[in-house]
Structure formats: C-alpha cells, structure tokens
Amino acid sequence: MPLLKRQKVEDCVTEMLRDGIIRPSDSAWASPITLAPKKDGTTRFCVDYRKINAI
C-alpha cells in the first residue's frame, strides 16, 4: 500500500477508535480494507466482509 494511503488508513482507524465506532481486537479473523475515492475528493474507508459472511 502506498505511504500516502497507509497514513490515511491509520488516520481513519485512529478516528474510529476515538469515536467508539470500532474497538481493538485480538481475533484471528480479519477483513480486507480499501480506500475508495468519493466525488467530492474525500476518501471512503471500506471493509470487504464477503469472506467472513460466507462462513
């Protein structure tokens, strides 16, 4: 992942942790994330839950 995107991901995760949207986990399960550009120039943090939902 490019450094600029990595920093944006870290910023998003830090903000969601601070706001109580997500919490730390020691789970062996994880889902891949991606950043999707929005029309207004901002970025949307997306999580792909398809594989974990298939279980």
PDB file of N, CA and C in Angstrom:
ATOM      1  N   MET A   1       0.855  -1.170   0.000  1.00  0.00           N
ATOM      2  CA  MET A   1       0.000   0.000   0.000  1.00  0.00           C
ATOM      3  C   MET A   1       0.902   1.234   0.000  1.00  0.00           C
ATOM      4  N   PRO A   2       0.612   2.215  -0.854  1.00  0.00           N
ATOM      5  CA  PRO A   2       1.416   3.435  -0.890  1.00  0.00           C
ATOM      6  C   PRO A   2       1.389   4.165   0.456  1.00  0.00           C
ATOM      7  N   LEU A   3       2.472   4.824   0.772  1.00  0.00           N
ATOM      8  CA  LEU A   3       2.617   5.506   2.058  1.00  0.00           C
ATOM      9  C   LEU A   3       1.483   6.492   2.319  1.00  0.00           C
ATOM     10  N   LEU A   4       1.082   7.242   1.312  1.00  0.00           N
ATOM     11  CA  LEU A   4       0.008   8.217   1.479  1.00  0.00           C
ATOM     12  C   LEU A   4      -1.299   7.537   1.870  1.00  0.00           C
ATOM     13  N   LYS A   5      -1.632   6.420   1.214  1.00  0.00           N
ATOM     14  CA  LYS A   5      -2.852   5.686   1.558  1.00  0.00           C
ATOM     15  C   LYS A   5      -2.732   5.051   2.937  1.00  0.00           C
ATOM     16  N   ARG A   6      -1.545   4.546   3.261  1.00  0.00           N
ATOM     17  CA  ARG A   6      -1.341   3.925   4.570  1.00  0.00           C
ATOM     18  C   ARG A   6      -1.589   4.939   5.688  1.00  0.00           C
ATOM     19  N   GLN A   7      -1.111   6.161   5.510  1.00  0.00           N
ATOM     20  CA  GLN A   7      -1.328   7.202   6.512  1.00  0.00           C
ATOM     21  C   GLN A   7      -2.809   7.530   6.628  1.00  0.00           C
ATOM     22  N   LYS A   8      -3.518   7.568   5.500  1.00  0.00           N
ATOM     23  CA  LYS A   8      -4.953   7.840   5.524  1.00  0.00           C
ATOM     24  C   LYS A   8      -5.696   6.731   6.261  1.00  0.00           C
ATOM     25  N   VAL A   9      -5.314   5.472   6.039  1.00  0.00           N
ATOM     26  CA  VAL A   9      -5.928   4.344   6.750  1.00  0.00           C
ATOM     27  C   VAL A   9      -5.683   4.485   8.248  1.00  0.00           C
ATOM     28  N   GLU A  10      -4.448   4.773   8.639  1.00  0.00           N
ATOM     29  CA  GLU A  10      -4.124   4.941  10.060  1.00  0.00           C
ATOM     30  C   GLU A  10      -4.935   6.082  10.666  1.00  0.00           C
ATOM     31  N   ASP A  11      -5.088   7.183   9.932  1.00  0.00           N
ATOM     32  CA  ASP A  11      -5.890   8.308  10.420  1.00  0.00           C
ATOM     33  C   ASP A  11      -7.349   7.903  10.602  1.00  0.00           C
ATOM     34  N   CYS A  12      -7.901   7.172   9.634  1.00  0.00           N
ATOM     35  CA  CYS A  12      -9.297   6.718   9.717  1.00  0.00           C
ATOM     36  C   CYS A  12      -9.497   5.786  10.910  1.00  0.00           C
ATOM     37  N   VAL A  13      -8.593   4.842  11.084  1.00  0.00           N
ATOM     38  CA  VAL A  13      -8.700   3.886  12.190  1.00  0.00           C
ATOM     39  C   VAL A  13      -8.589   4.612  13.527  1.00  0.00           C
ATOM     40  N   THR A  14      -7.652   5.530  13.650  1.00  0.00           N
ATOM     41  CA  THR A  14      -7.486   6.297  14.888  1.00  0.00           C
ATOM     42  C   THR A  14      -8.757   7.076  15.210  1.00  0.00           C
ATOM     43  N   GLU A  15      -9.346   7.700  14.194  1.00  0.00           N
ATOM     44  CA  GLU A  15     -10.573   8.470  14.391  1.00  0.00           C
ATOM     45  C   GLU A  15     -11.731   7.564  14.814  1.00  0.00           C
ATOM     46  N   MET A  16     -11.873   6.400  14.172  1.00  0.00           N
ATOM     47  CA  MET A  16     -12.959   5.481  14.529  1.00  0.00           C
ATOM     48  C   MET A  16     -12.765   4.903  15.926  1.00  0.00           C
ATOM     49  N   LEU A  17     -11.521   4.630  16.328  1.00  0.00           N
ATOM     50  CA  LEU A  17     -11.249   4.171  17.692  1.00  0.00           C
ATOM     51  C   LEU A  17     -11.636   5.250  18.696  1.00  0.00           C
ATOM     52  N   ARG A  18     -11.228   6.488  18.412  1.00  0.00           N
ATOM     53  CA  ARG A  18     -11.516   7.611  19.304  1.00  0.00           C
ATOM     54  C   ARG A  18     -13.018   7.828  19.455  1.00  0.00           C
ATOM     55  N   ASP A  19     -13.764   7.671  18.360  1.00  0.00           N
ATOM     56  CA  ASP A  19     -15.205   7.911  18.372  1.00  0.00           C
ATOM     57  C   ASP A  19     -16.012   6.710  18.854  1.00  0.00           C
ATOM     58  N   GLY A  20     -15.342   5.591  19.179  1.00  0.00           N
ATOM     59  CA  GLY A  20     -16.034   4.413  19.682  1.00  0.00           C
ATOM     60  C   GLY A  20     -16.747   3.611  18.601  1.00  0.00           C
ATOM     61  N   ILE A  21     -16.420   3.851  17.347  1.00  0.00           N
ATOM     62  CA  ILE A  21     -17.047   3.125  16.239  1.00  0.00           C
ATOM     63  C   ILE A  21     -16.473   1.720  16.130  1.00  0.00           C
ATOM     64  N   ILE A  22     -15.180   1.596  16.377  1.00  0.00           N
ATOM     65  CA  ILE A  22     -14.502   0.298  16.382  1.00  0.00           C
ATOM     66  C   ILE A  22     -13.765   0.147  17.698  1.00  0.00           C
ATOM     67  N   ARG A  23     -13.318  -1.061  17.988  1.00  0.00           N
ATOM     68  CA  ARG A  23     -12.526  -1.299  19.197  1.00  0.00           C
ATOM     69  C   ARG A  23     -11.418  -2.293  18.867  1.00  0.00           C
ATOM     70  N   PRO A  24     -10.355  -2.268  19.654  1.00  0.00           N
ATOM     71  CA  PRO A  24      -9.251  -3.210  19.419  1.00  0.00           C
ATOM     72  C   PRO A  24      -9.732  -4.655  19.573  1.00  0.00           C
ATOM     73  N   SER A  25      -9.119  -5.551  18.823  1.00  0.00           N
ATOM     74  CA  SER A  25      -9.490  -6.960  18.866  1.00  0.00           C
ATOM     75  C   SER A  25      -8.259  -7.836  18.711  1.00  0.00           C
ATOM     76  N   ASP A  26      -8.283  -8.976  19.380  1.00  0.00           N
ATOM     77  CA  ASP A  26      -7.220  -9.971  19.259  1.00  0.00           C
ATOM     78  C   ASP A  26      -7.688 -11.162  18.425  1.00  0.00           C
ATOM     79  N   SER A  27      -8.766 -10.990  17.687  1.00  0.00           N
ATOM     80  CA  SER A  27      -9.342 -12.070  16.896  1.00  0.00           C
ATOM     81  C   SER A  27      -8.384 -12.549  15.811  1.00  0.00           C
ATOM     82  N   ALA A  28      -8.462 -13.833  15.525  1.00  0.00           N
ATOM     83  CA  ALA A  28      -7.669 -14.398  14.434  1.00  0.00           C
ATOM     84  C   ALA A  28      -8.293 -14.060  13.081  1.00  0.00           C
ATOM     85  N   TRP A  29      -9.510 -13.557  13.081  1.00  0.00           N
ATOM     86  CA  TRP A  29     -10.218 -13.217  11.849  1.00  0.00           C
ATOM     87  C   TRP A  29     -10.020 -11.750  11.523  1.00  0.00           C
ATOM     88  N   ALA A  30      -9.936 -11.449  10.252  1.00  0.00           N
ATOM     89  CA  ALA A  30      -9.819 -10.065   9.791  1.00  0.00           C
ATOM     90  C   ALA A  30     -10.443  -9.952   8.408  1.00  0.00           C
ATOM     91  N   SER A  31     -10.801  -8.749   8.034  1.00  0.00           N
ATOM     92  CA  SER A  31     -11.357  -8.496   6.707  1.00  0.00           C
ATOM     93  C   SER A  31     -10.522  -7.427   6.022  1.00  0.00           C
ATOM     94  N   PRO A  32     -10.313  -7.579   4.718  1.00  0.00           N
ATOM     95  CA  PRO A  32      -9.501  -6.596   3.996  1.00  0.00           C
ATOM     96  C   PRO A  32     -10.212  -5.244   3.891  1.00  0.00           C
ATOM     97  N   ILE A  33      -9.427  -4.191   3.869  1.00  0.00           N
ATOM     98  CA  ILE A  33      -9.972  -2.848   3.714  1.00  0.00           C
ATOM     99  C   ILE A  33      -9.427  -2.224   2.437  1.00  0.00           C
ATOM    100  N   THR A  34     -10.121  -1.203   1.998  1.00  0.00           N
ATOM    101  CA  THR A  34      -9.654  -0.415   0.857  1.00  0.00           C
ATOM    102  C   THR A  34     -10.158   1.007   1.029  1.00  0.00           C
ATOM    103  N   LEU A  35      -9.534   1.927   0.351  1.00  0.00           N
ATOM    104  CA  LEU A  35      -9.982   3.313   0.344  1.00  0.00           C
ATOM    105  C   LEU A  35     -10.592   3.598  -1.018  1.00  0.00           C
ATOM    106  N   ALA A  36     -11.809   4.122  -1.018  1.00  0.00           N
ATOM    107  CA  ALA A  36     -12.494   4.440  -2.267  1.00  0.00           C
ATOM    108  C   ALA A  36     -12.627   5.954  -2.390  1.00  0.00           C
ATOM    109  N   PRO A  37     -12.166   6.522  -3.499  1.00  0.00           N
ATOM    110  CA  PRO A  37     -12.305   7.969  -3.679  1.00  0.00           C
ATOM    111  C   PRO A  37     -13.767   8.352  -3.911  1.00  0.00           C
ATOM    112  N   LYS A  38     -14.171   9.451  -3.289  1.00  0.00           N
ATOM    113  CA  LYS A  38     -15.522   9.969  -3.465  1.00  0.00           C
ATOM    114  C   LYS A  38     -15.493  11.148  -4.439  1.00  0.00           C
ATOM    115  N   LYS A  39     -16.633  11.494  -5.005  1.00  0.00           N
ATOM    116  CA  LYS A  39     -16.712  12.577  -5.987  1.00  0.00           C
ATOM    117  C   LYS A  39     -16.242  13.915  -5.429  1.00  0.00           C
ATOM    118  N   ASP A  40     -16.427  14.129  -4.119  1.00  0.00           N
ATOM    119  CA  ASP A  40     -16.032  15.415  -3.536  1.00  0.00           C
ATOM    120  C   ASP A  40     -14.545  15.483  -3.188  1.00  0.00           C
ATOM    121  N   GLY A  41     -13.793  14.435  -3.525  1.00  0.00           N
ATOM    122  CA  GLY A  41     -12.353  14.438  -3.287  1.00  0.00           C
ATOM    123  C   GLY A  41     -11.933  13.797  -1.979  1.00  0.00           C
ATOM    124  N   THR A  42     -12.894  13.501  -1.100  1.00  0.00           N
ATOM    125  CA  THR A  42     -12.566  12.824   0.148  1.00  0.00           C
ATOM    126  C   THR A  42     -12.463  11.325  -0.105  1.00  0.00           C
ATOM    127  N   THR A  43     -12.155  10.601   0.947  1.00  0.00           N
ATOM    128  CA  THR A  43     -11.942   9.161   0.825  1.00  0.00           C
ATOM    129  C   THR A  43     -12.928   8.403   1.693  1.00  0.00           C
ATOM    130  N   ARG A  44     -13.454   7.301   1.178  1.00  0.00           N
ATOM    131  CA  ARG A  44     -14.345   6.425   1.949  1.00  0.00           C
ATOM    132  C   ARG A  44     -13.563   5.188   2.370  1.00  0.00           C
ATOM    133  N   PHE A  45     -13.598   4.859   3.650  1.00  0.00           N
ATOM    134  CA  PHE A  45     -12.961   3.679   4.230  1.00  0.00           C
ATOM    135  C   PHE A  45     -13.937   2.522   4.061  1.00  0.00           C
ATOM    136  N   CYS A  46     -13.544   1.495   3.325  1.00  0.00           N
ATOM    137  CA  CYS A  46     -14.433   0.366   3.024  1.00  0.00           C
ATOM    138  C   CYS A  46     -13.843  -0.941   3.548  1.00  0.00           C
ATOM    139  N   VAL A  47     -14.709  -1.800   4.074  1.00  0.00           N
ATOM    140  CA  VAL A  47     -14.301  -3.113   4.563  1.00  0.00           C
ATOM    141  C   VAL A  47     -15.042  -4.170   3.749  1.00  0.00           C
ATOM    142  N   ASP A  48     -14.323  -5.169   3.279  1.00  0.00           N
ATOM    143  CA  ASP A  48     -14.901  -6.245   2.469  1.00  0.00           C
ATOM    144  C   ASP A  48     -15.197  -7.445   3.370  1.00  0.00           C
ATOM    145  N   TYR A  49     -16.462  -7.598   3.751  1.00  0.00           N
ATOM    146  CA  TYR A  49     -16.876  -8.664   4.671  1.00  0.00           C
ATOM    147  C   TYR A  49     -17.372  -9.915   3.950  1.00  0.00           C
ATOM    148  N   ARG A  50     -17.225  -9.995   2.627  1.00  0.00           N
ATOM    149  CA  ARG A  50     -17.788 -11.128   1.887  1.00  0.00           C
ATOM    150  C   ARG A  50     -17.275 -12.478   2.373  1.00  0.00           C
ATOM    151  N   LYS A  51     -15.981 -12.628   2.593  1.00  0.00           N
ATOM    152  CA  LYS A  51     -15.436 -13.934   3.004  1.00  0.00           C
ATOM    153  C   LYS A  51     -15.891 -14.318   4.404  1.00  0.00           C
ATOM    154  N   ILE A  52     -15.891 -13.368   5.327  1.00  0.00           N
ATOM    155  CA  ILE A  52     -16.302 -13.692   6.697  1.00  0.00           C
ATOM    156  C   ILE A  52     -17.812 -13.953   6.756  1.00  0.00           C
ATOM    157  N   ASN A  53     -18.586 -13.288   5.917  1.00  0.00           N
ATOM    158  CA  ASN A  53     -20.030 -13.533   5.873  1.00  0.00           C
ATOM    159  C   ASN A  53     -20.365 -14.880   5.248  1.00  0.00           C
ATOM    160  N   ALA A  54     -19.461 -15.429   4.469  1.00  0.00           N
ATOM    161  CA  ALA A  54     -19.700 -16.717   3.815  1.00  0.00           C
ATOM    162  C   ALA A  54     -19.550 -17.893   4.779  1.00  0.00           C
ATOM    163  N   ILE A  55     -19.033 -17.645   5.952  1.00  0.00           N
ATOM    164  CA  ILE A  55     -18.814 -18.721   6.934  1.00  0.00           C
ATOM    165  C   ILE A  55     -20.124 -19.116   7.581  1.00  0.00           C
TER     166      ILE A  55
END
